Amino acid sequence: MFNLDTWQEIFSTLSKNKLRAFLTGFSVAWGIFMLIILLGSGNGFENAMDKAFESSMENAMYIYPGKTTKEYKGLKPGRYLRLTNDDFKNLKRNIQEIELISSLYYLPGQNLIAYNGKSVKFSIFTVYPDYQIIDRLIILEGRFINNIDIHERRKVAVISSEIKEELFNHKDAIGEHVIVNGFVVKVVGVFEDNDRDDSDQCVYLPVTTAQLLSGGTKNIHMLQLTIPASSKIQEAVDIEERIRKQVADLHKFDPEDERALYISNSMEQAGRYRTIIDSIRLFVWVIGIMTIVAGIVGVGNIMTIVVKERTREIGIRKALGARPVSIIGMIMQEAVLITSASGFIGLLFGTGLLELIRTKMPENEYFYNPEADIRIAVSATILLILAGLLAGFFPARRASKIKPIVALRDE
């Protein structure tokens, strides 16, 4: 069945009908090509979303003060909310689901960090120890701020690797003293942050130390916290509402006034993004499968035409003693050759284009590292080959049942 003479005959038949063979192969190759591009594009969107959340915890919440817009118990709207240490303690004590929590206080001033006559301008954040885990800071040398630093209001600092390079020129910075906004602090750690924002251009101090240096204020600028990663989206929303109510009770504003207190719920946002990604993935698969089905139908129609055009030839073969299995095998081999060659061409061009996009396209926050699962692509190609077998089998089976005398009369 699968001998050299048969393959030579198949290639001869294809060379005589180049346009038909090209159009058949193109429909198959286009189907695989489009599936690869669609899958890669979908993964590009999904990878961008995953990268956006990898720099911070997906189960985190960020709380910012705002301005009241509703009247509440005789208090007029338009009041600016100021968070304090009491909010930090209140939430930590009353919201049992909180796992990690840190307040942030921005030290006022010019944000100058100086050492040995050299000074640079960087952001200055003052935090609690839990901040390191929440923001996924990587400690390269020394340590991060600890609870003893908080309780004793120690004048210590954790600097970024970029600050170390600027001020210390790769020399050891641990134990050295730098001047931060006019205050002398001791360097106890060096960190780096893989986030795409400006987190690598900052220095961290204990929040209690910063408040003391600012005249003993109790104000804070925002709160960050995490809840159990196993929480459902609705559970996260419920926790958010309870947090809002706790802060509202303390500061006397309407809990329904969302502009008085802004809460960014990463888990809820991630849920919305996942829904969008699932919709995109479904759309990709529907379009991809429809494209492949169109290719399969095209192969089936072409093979039907092939059999019709070769009816007289088939009659001659049967008259000379050709067995039905040999006729079926010849036509099926032709179908498999077209679908397999075209499928792998589509696979090659699709993966090649995705690789070109991945290496040449500038990095952005909406589309990152588009790549298709090669196992899915190969499986789709194999599926097309099997479909090509079926597409060739049924016309070939009908042709093998034609009586020689009837086939020879065909015009």
Protein backbone atom coordinates (compact mmCIF):
# COMPACT_ATOMS: atom_id res chain seq x y z
CA MET A 1 0.00 0.00 0.00
CA PHE A 2 2.72 2.48 1.02
CA ASN A 3 5.30 1.88 -1.69
CA LEU A 4 7.51 4.17 -3.76
CA ASP A 5 5.43 3.81 -6.91
CA THR A 6 2.33 4.99 -5.09
CA TRP A 7 4.10 8.08 -3.73
CA GLN A 8 5.53 8.91 -7.16
CA GLU A 9 2.05 8.70 -8.58
CA ILE A 10 0.66 10.95 -5.84
CA PHE A 11 3.33 13.59 -6.48
CA SER A 12 2.69 13.36 -10.19
CA THR A 13 -1.04 13.91 -9.62
CA LEU A 14 -0.38 16.89 -7.36
CA SER A 15 2.05 18.44 -9.86
CA LYS A 16 -0.62 18.28 -12.54
CA ASN A 17 -3.09 20.09 -10.28
CA LYS A 18 -0.84 22.62 -8.58
CA LEU A 19 -3.48 25.29 -7.97
CA ARG A 20 -5.92 22.84 -6.45
CA ALA A 21 -3.22 21.33 -4.23
CA PHE A 22 -2.05 24.81 -3.18
CA LEU A 23 -5.53 26.01 -2.26
CA THR A 24 -6.21 22.84 -0.29
CA GLY A 25 -2.93 23.10 1.59
CA PHE A 26 -3.38 26.82 2.16
CA SER A 27 -6.72 26.33 3.91
CA VAL A 28 -5.13 23.82 6.27
CA ALA A 29 -1.97 25.87 6.88
CA TRP A 30 -4.04 29.00 7.48
CA GLY A 31 -6.16 27.19 10.05
CA ILE A 32 -3.11 26.06 12.05
CA PHE A 33 -1.40 29.44 11.62
CA MET A 34 -4.42 31.33 12.93
CA LEU A 35 -4.82 28.92 15.87
CA ILE A 36 -1.17 29.46 16.87
CA ILE A 37 -1.43 33.26 16.58
CA LEU A 38 -4.71 33.38 18.51
CA LEU A 39 -3.39 31.12 21.28
CA GLY A 40 -0.19 33.12 21.49
CA SER A 41 -2.07 36.42 21.65
CA GLY A 42 -4.32 35.09 24.40
CA ASN A 43 -1.29 33.94 26.37
CA GLY A 44 0.31 37.35 25.82
CA PHE A 45 -2.60 39.07 27.54
CA GLU A 46 -2.63 36.48 30.32
CA ASN A 47 1.14 36.73 30.89
CA ALA A 48 0.87 40.52 31.13
CA MET A 49 -1.80 40.16 33.80
CA ASP A 50 0.27 37.61 35.75
CA LYS A 51 3.30 39.89 35.56
CA ALA A 52 1.26 42.81 36.86
CA PHE A 53 0.37 40.82 39.98
CA GLU A 54 3.71 39.06 40.53
CA SER A 55 5.33 42.17 42.03
CA SER A 56 2.78 42.31 44.84
CA MET A 57 0.49 39.82 46.48
CA GLU A 58 -2.78 39.00 44.72
CA ASN A 59 -4.55 38.88 48.09
CA ALA A 60 -3.49 42.41 49.09
CA MET A 61 -5.61 45.49 49.80
CA TYR A 62 -4.47 49.11 49.62
CA ILE A 63 -6.33 51.75 51.63
CA TYR A 64 -6.12 55.48 50.89
CA PRO A 65 -7.91 58.40 52.59
CA GLY A 66 -10.19 60.57 50.50
CA LYS A 67 -12.78 63.32 50.87
CA THR A 68 -16.32 62.86 52.15
CA THR A 69 -19.13 63.55 49.69
CA LYS A 70 -22.13 62.72 51.89
CA GLU A 71 -23.60 64.27 55.00
CA TYR A 72 -23.34 61.99 58.03
CA LYS A 73 -24.87 62.48 61.48
CA GLY A 74 -24.88 66.25 61.18
CA LEU A 75 -21.37 66.42 59.72
CA LYS A 76 -21.18 68.23 56.39
CA PRO A 77 -19.57 66.71 53.29
CA GLY A 78 -16.20 67.95 52.03
CA ARG A 79 -14.13 66.77 55.00
CA TYR A 80 -10.69 65.37 54.19
CA LEU A 81 -10.00 62.06 55.87
CA ARG A 82 -6.69 61.57 57.67
CA LEU A 83 -5.63 58.06 58.61
CA THR A 84 -3.71 57.61 61.85
CA ASN A 85 -1.95 54.94 63.89
CA ASP A 86 -5.33 54.21 65.49
CA ASP A 87 -6.62 52.94 62.14
CA PHE A 88 -3.67 50.55 61.92
CA LYS A 89 -4.31 49.22 65.45
CA ASN A 90 -8.08 49.13 64.99
CA LEU A 91 -7.99 47.04 61.83
CA LYS A 92 -5.29 44.72 63.15
CA ARG A 93 -7.35 44.09 66.28
CA ASN A 94 -10.86 43.80 64.79
CA ILE A 95 -10.45 42.22 61.33
CA GLN A 96 -9.41 38.66 62.10
CA GLU A 97 -8.78 37.76 58.43
CA ILE A 98 -5.87 40.21 58.16
CA GLU A 99 -2.62 38.26 57.89
CA LEU A 100 -0.09 41.03 57.18
CA ILE A 101 -0.51 44.76 57.62
CA SER A 102 1.66 47.84 57.31
CA SER A 103 0.99 51.55 57.37
CA LEU A 104 2.97 53.94 55.19
CA TYR A 105 4.05 57.44 56.09
CA TYR A 106 5.85 59.65 53.59
CA LEU A 107 8.60 61.61 55.32
CA PRO A 108 8.26 65.30 54.39
CA GLY A 109 11.21 67.15 52.94
CA GLN A 110 13.38 67.16 49.83
CA ASN A 111 14.01 63.41 49.99
CA LEU A 112 17.77 63.82 49.92
CA ILE A 113 20.05 60.97 50.97
CA ALA A 114 23.67 61.94 51.60
CA TYR A 115 26.87 60.07 52.40
CA ASN A 116 30.48 61.20 52.53
CA GLY A 117 29.81 64.51 50.77
CA LYS A 118 27.68 62.96 48.00
CA SER A 119 23.90 63.35 47.94
CA VAL A 120 21.15 61.94 45.72
CA LYS A 121 17.39 62.40 45.59
CA PHE A 122 15.25 59.32 46.13
CA SER A 123 11.82 58.47 47.48
CA ILE A 124 11.57 57.85 51.22
CA PHE A 125 8.96 55.42 52.56
CA THR A 126 8.39 54.57 56.20
CA VAL A 127 6.77 51.22 56.92
CA TYR A 128 6.23 48.24 59.22
CA PRO A 129 8.12 44.91 58.89
CA ASP A 130 5.22 43.19 57.08
CA TYR A 131 5.70 45.54 54.14
CA GLN A 132 8.63 43.49 52.88
CA ILE A 133 6.42 40.44 52.30
CA ILE A 134 3.45 42.42 50.98
CA ASP A 135 5.55 44.20 48.36
CA ARG A 136 7.85 41.21 47.80
CA LEU A 137 11.09 43.04 48.41
CA ILE A 138 14.23 40.93 48.03
CA ILE A 139 16.87 41.50 50.73
CA LEU A 140 20.34 41.31 49.19
CA GLU A 141 22.38 42.27 52.25
CA GLY A 142 21.60 42.67 55.93
CA ARG A 143 17.96 42.70 56.96
CA PHE A 144 14.70 44.59 56.67
CA ILE A 145 13.05 46.69 59.36
CA ASN A 146 11.97 44.57 62.35
CA ASN A 147 9.60 44.98 65.31
CA ILE A 148 12.38 46.13 67.64
CA ASP A 149 13.10 49.00 65.25
CA ILE A 150 9.41 49.93 65.42
CA HIS A 151 9.07 49.76 69.21
CA GLU A 152 12.35 51.52 69.99
CA ARG A 153 12.01 54.03 67.14
CA ARG A 154 15.49 53.19 65.94
CA LYS A 155 17.14 55.42 63.36
CA VAL A 156 17.83 52.68 60.82
CA ALA A 157 17.31 52.47 57.06
CA VAL A 158 17.07 49.86 54.32
CA ILE A 159 18.33 51.19 51.01
CA SER A 160 17.89 49.96 47.46
CA SER A 161 20.74 48.47 45.45
CA GLU A 162 20.55 51.52 43.21
CA ILE A 163 21.14 53.88 46.14
CA LYS A 164 24.04 51.72 47.28
CA GLU A 165 25.61 51.97 43.84
CA GLU A 166 25.12 55.74 43.75
CA LEU A 167 26.48 56.48 47.23
CA PHE A 168 28.84 53.64 48.07
CA ASN A 169 30.10 52.64 44.63
CA HIS A 170 29.68 48.91 45.36
CA LYS A 171 31.41 49.16 48.75
CA ASP A 172 29.83 47.54 51.81
CA ALA A 173 26.98 49.76 53.06
CA ILE A 174 25.83 47.75 56.08
CA GLY A 175 26.62 49.58 59.31
CA GLU A 176 27.38 52.88 57.57
CA HIS A 177 25.50 56.07 58.47
CA VAL A 178 23.69 58.18 55.86
CA ILE A 179 21.83 61.46 56.19
CA VAL A 180 18.15 61.30 55.25
CA ASN A 181 16.46 64.70 55.06
CA GLY A 182 18.93 66.04 57.63
CA PHE A 183 18.64 63.06 60.03
CA VAL A 184 21.46 60.56 60.52
CA VAL A 185 20.36 56.93 60.17
CA LYS A 186 22.22 53.64 60.10
CA VAL A 187 22.03 51.35 57.05
CA VAL A 188 20.94 47.85 58.12
CA GLY A 189 19.92 46.35 54.79
CA VAL A 190 20.05 46.52 50.98
CA PHE A 191 17.12 45.38 48.85
CA GLU A 192 15.94 45.13 45.27
CA ASP A 193 12.45 45.06 43.83
CA ASN A 194 11.55 43.35 40.56
CA ASP A 195 8.53 45.57 40.14
CA ARG A 196 8.38 47.82 37.06
CA ASP A 197 7.69 50.98 39.06
CA ASP A 198 10.15 53.18 40.96
CA SER A 199 10.45 50.92 44.04
CA ASP A 200 14.18 50.45 43.36
CA GLN A 201 14.66 54.19 43.84
CA CYS A 202 13.73 54.50 47.49
CA VAL A 203 14.82 54.02 51.09
CA TYR A 204 12.73 52.50 53.88
CA LEU A 205 12.63 53.69 57.51
CA PRO A 206 10.56 52.51 60.51
CA VAL A 207 7.24 54.37 60.45
CA THR A 208 7.43 55.20 64.17
CA THR A 209 10.89 56.72 63.72
CA ALA A 210 9.67 58.89 60.85
CA GLN A 211 6.66 60.06 62.85
CA LEU A 212 8.95 60.98 65.75
CA LEU A 213 11.29 62.89 63.45
CA SER A 214 8.27 64.74 62.04
CA GLY A 215 7.32 66.17 65.41
CA GLY A 216 5.54 63.21 66.97
CA THR A 217 2.69 62.99 64.44
CA LYS A 218 0.38 59.97 64.43
CA ASN A 219 -0.79 60.48 60.88
CA ILE A 220 -0.21 57.90 58.16
CA HIS A 221 -0.79 58.23 54.44
CA MET A 222 -2.05 54.75 53.55
CA LEU A 223 -2.44 51.16 54.72
CA GLN A 224 -1.48 47.90 53.05
CA LEU A 225 -2.71 44.51 54.21
CA THR A 226 -3.25 40.96 53.05
CA ILE A 227 -6.05 38.46 53.62
CA PRO A 228 -5.91 34.65 53.25
CA ALA A 229 -4.97 33.66 49.71
CA SER A 230 -7.66 30.98 49.83
CA SER A 231 -10.40 33.62 50.15
CA LYS A 232 -13.09 33.70 47.48
CA ILE A 233 -13.79 36.94 45.66
CA GLN A 234 -17.04 37.46 47.53
CA GLU A 235 -15.25 36.86 50.84
CA ALA A 236 -12.68 39.48 49.86
CA VAL A 237 -15.48 41.94 49.04
CA ASP A 238 -17.11 41.24 52.42
CA ILE A 239 -13.80 41.87 54.22
CA GLU A 240 -13.40 45.11 52.27
CA GLU A 241 -16.84 46.26 53.42
CA ARG A 242 -16.03 45.46 57.05
CA ILE A 243 -12.76 47.38 56.79
CA ARG A 244 -14.61 50.36 55.37
CA LYS A 245 -17.13 50.21 58.23
CA GLN A 246 -14.39 50.06 60.86
CA VAL A 247 -12.66 53.13 59.45
CA ALA A 248 -16.01 54.91 58.99
CA ASP A 249 -16.97 54.34 62.62
CA LEU A 250 -13.63 55.78 63.77
CA HIS A 251 -13.70 58.84 61.52
CA LYS A 252 -17.46 59.47 61.46
CA PHE A 253 -18.39 59.21 57.79
CA ASP A 254 -20.98 57.24 55.82
CA PRO A 255 -19.68 53.71 55.04
CA GLU A 256 -21.45 53.97 51.67
CA ASP A 257 -19.33 57.02 50.78
CA GLU A 258 -16.71 55.35 48.61
CA ARG A 259 -14.88 58.62 47.91
CA ALA A 260 -14.17 59.11 51.58
CA LEU A 261 -12.01 55.98 51.64
CA TYR A 262 -10.48 54.30 48.61
CA ILE A 263 -9.81 50.57 48.93
CA SER A 264 -8.00 48.79 46.12
CA ASN A 265 -8.87 45.10 46.40
CA SER A 266 -6.29 43.10 44.41
CA MET A 267 -8.25 39.88 44.72
CA GLU A 268 -11.38 41.47 43.29
CA GLN A 269 -9.36 43.07 40.49
CA ALA A 270 -7.65 39.76 39.76
CA GLY A 271 -11.08 38.09 39.58
CA ARG A 272 -12.23 40.62 36.99
CA TYR A 273 -9.06 40.12 34.98
CA ARG A 274 -9.46 36.35 35.15
CA THR A 275 -12.99 36.66 33.83
CA ILE A 276 -11.73 38.76 30.94
CA ILE A 277 -8.91 36.29 30.24
CA ASP A 278 -11.34 33.34 30.33
CA SER A 279 -13.58 35.16 27.85
CA ILE A 280 -10.60 35.86 25.58
CA ARG A 281 -9.49 32.22 25.85
CA LEU A 282 -12.98 30.99 24.94
CA PHE A 283 -13.12 33.42 22.01
CA VAL A 284 -9.70 32.25 20.81
CA TRP A 285 -10.69 28.60 20.93
CA VAL A 286 -14.02 29.16 19.19
CA ILE A 287 -12.40 31.11 16.36
CA GLY A 288 -9.47 28.70 16.15
CA ILE A 289 -11.67 25.61 16.02
CA MET A 290 -13.95 27.20 13.43
CA THR A 291 -10.91 28.01 11.30
CA ILE A 292 -9.64 24.44 11.56
CA VAL A 293 -13.09 23.04 10.76
CA ALA A 294 -13.18 25.27 7.69
CA GLY A 295 -9.86 23.77 6.64
CA ILE A 296 -11.14 20.24 7.20
CA VAL A 297 -14.27 20.95 5.16
CA GLY A 298 -12.08 22.38 2.43
CA VAL A 299 -9.97 19.22 2.34
CA GLY A 300 -13.08 17.05 2.26
CA ASN A 301 -14.58 19.01 -0.66
CA ILE A 302 -11.33 18.92 -2.60
CA MET A 303 -10.96 15.18 -2.09
CA THR A 304 -14.53 14.67 -3.30
CA ILE A 305 -13.68 16.63 -6.44
CA VAL A 306 -10.46 14.65 -6.85
CA VAL A 307 -12.33 11.36 -6.73
CA LYS A 308 -14.95 12.68 -9.16
CA GLU A 309 -12.28 13.79 -11.64
CA ARG A 310 -10.49 10.45 -11.40
CA THR A 311 -13.54 8.24 -11.71
CA ARG A 312 -12.54 7.04 -15.17
CA GLU A 313 -8.97 6.36 -13.97
CA ILE A 314 -10.33 4.39 -11.02
CA GLY A 315 -12.49 2.33 -13.40
CA ILE A 316 -9.45 1.45 -15.50
CA ARG A 317 -7.53 0.42 -12.39
CA LYS A 318 -10.34 -1.82 -11.24
CA ALA A 319 -10.67 -3.30 -14.72
CA LEU A 320 -6.95 -4.17 -14.59
CA GLY A 321 -7.41 -5.88 -11.24
CA ALA A 322 -6.71 -3.18 -8.68
CA ARG A 323 -8.11 -4.06 -5.29
CA PRO A 324 -10.46 -1.58 -3.52
CA VAL A 325 -7.99 -1.25 -0.61
CA SER A 326 -5.27 0.01 -2.96
CA ILE A 327 -7.59 2.66 -4.39
CA ILE A 328 -8.64 3.79 -0.92
CA GLY A 329 -5.00 3.85 0.23
CA MET A 330 -3.86 5.95 -2.73
CA ILE A 331 -6.49 8.66 -2.18
CA MET A 332 -6.03 8.70 1.60
CA GLN A 333 -2.27 9.04 1.24
CA GLU A 334 -2.81 12.08 -0.95
CA ALA A 335 -5.09 13.63 1.66
CA VAL A 336 -2.64 12.89 4.49
CA LEU A 337 0.27 14.32 2.52
CA ILE A 338 -1.55 17.60 1.89
CA THR A 339 -2.84 18.04 5.44
CA SER A 340 0.35 17.02 7.24
CA ALA A 341 2.69 19.11 5.09
CA SER A 342 0.38 22.13 5.18
CA GLY A 343 -0.28 21.73 8.91
CA PHE A 344 3.39 21.74 9.80
CA ILE A 345 4.03 24.70 7.50
CA GLY A 346 1.28 26.60 9.33
CA LEU A 347 2.79 25.51 12.65
CA LEU A 348 6.25 26.67 11.60
CA PHE A 349 5.12 30.09 10.38
CA GLY A 350 2.84 30.64 13.40
CA THR A 351 5.51 29.88 15.99
CA GLY A 352 8.07 31.84 13.98
CA LEU A 353 5.87 34.94 13.91
CA LEU A 354 5.16 34.68 17.64
CA GLU A 355 8.88 34.40 18.36
CA LEU A 356 9.54 37.46 16.20
CA ILE A 357 6.85 39.42 18.08
CA ARG A 358 8.21 38.25 21.44
CA THR A 359 11.78 39.38 20.67
CA LYS A 360 11.05 42.59 18.78
CA MET A 361 7.96 43.99 20.46
CA PRO A 362 8.70 46.55 23.21
CA GLU A 363 7.70 45.40 26.69
CA ASN A 364 4.41 46.86 27.90
CA GLU A 365 1.90 46.24 30.67
CA TYR A 366 -0.89 44.92 28.43
CA PHE A 367 0.89 42.34 26.27
CA TYR A 368 3.87 40.26 27.37
CA ASN A 369 5.75 37.21 26.07
CA PRO A 370 3.16 35.84 23.57
CA GLU A 371 3.74 32.14 23.11
CA ALA A 372 1.56 29.20 22.15
CA ASP A 373 1.57 25.87 23.92
CA ILE A 374 3.49 23.70 21.45
CA ARG A 375 1.64 20.61 22.69
CA ILE A 376 -1.69 22.15 21.73
CA ALA A 377 -0.29 23.22 18.35
CA VAL A 378 1.07 19.75 17.58
CA SER A 379 -2.16 18.15 18.79
CA ALA A 380 -4.16 20.42 16.48
CA THR A 381 -1.89 19.47 13.58
CA ILE A 382 -2.32 15.76 14.33
CA LEU A 383 -6.08 16.34 14.54
CA LEU A 384 -5.98 17.91 11.10
CA ILE A 385 -4.04 14.94 9.74
CA LEU A 386 -6.64 12.55 11.15
CA ALA A 387 -9.35 14.76 9.70
CA GLY A 388 -7.53 14.58 6.39
CA LEU A 389 -7.64 10.80 6.64
CA LEU A 390 -11.39 10.88 7.17
CA ALA A 391 -11.80 13.51 4.47
CA GLY A 392 -10.06 11.23 2.01
CA PHE A 393 -11.55 7.96 3.27
CA PHE A 394 -15.22 8.48 2.52
CA PRO A 395 -14.78 9.69 -1.11
CA ALA A 396 -12.22 6.93 -1.64
CA ARG A 397 -14.57 4.32 -0.22
CA ARG A 398 -17.34 5.43 -2.59
CA ALA A 399 -14.89 5.35 -5.49
CA SER A 400 -13.73 1.82 -4.62
CA LYS A 401 -17.34 0.58 -4.88
CA ILE A 402 -17.90 1.93 -8.39
CA LYS A 403 -18.24 -0.81 -10.96
CA PRO A 404 -15.54 -0.67 -13.66
CA ILE A 405 -18.06 -0.48 -16.53
CA VAL A 406 -19.83 2.47 -14.89
CA ALA A 407 -16.55 4.27 -14.19
CA LEU A 408 -15.31 3.79 -17.75
CA ARG A 409 -18.48 5.45 -19.11
CA ASP A 410 -17.84 8.56 -16.95
CA GLU A 411 -16.99 11.70 -18.92
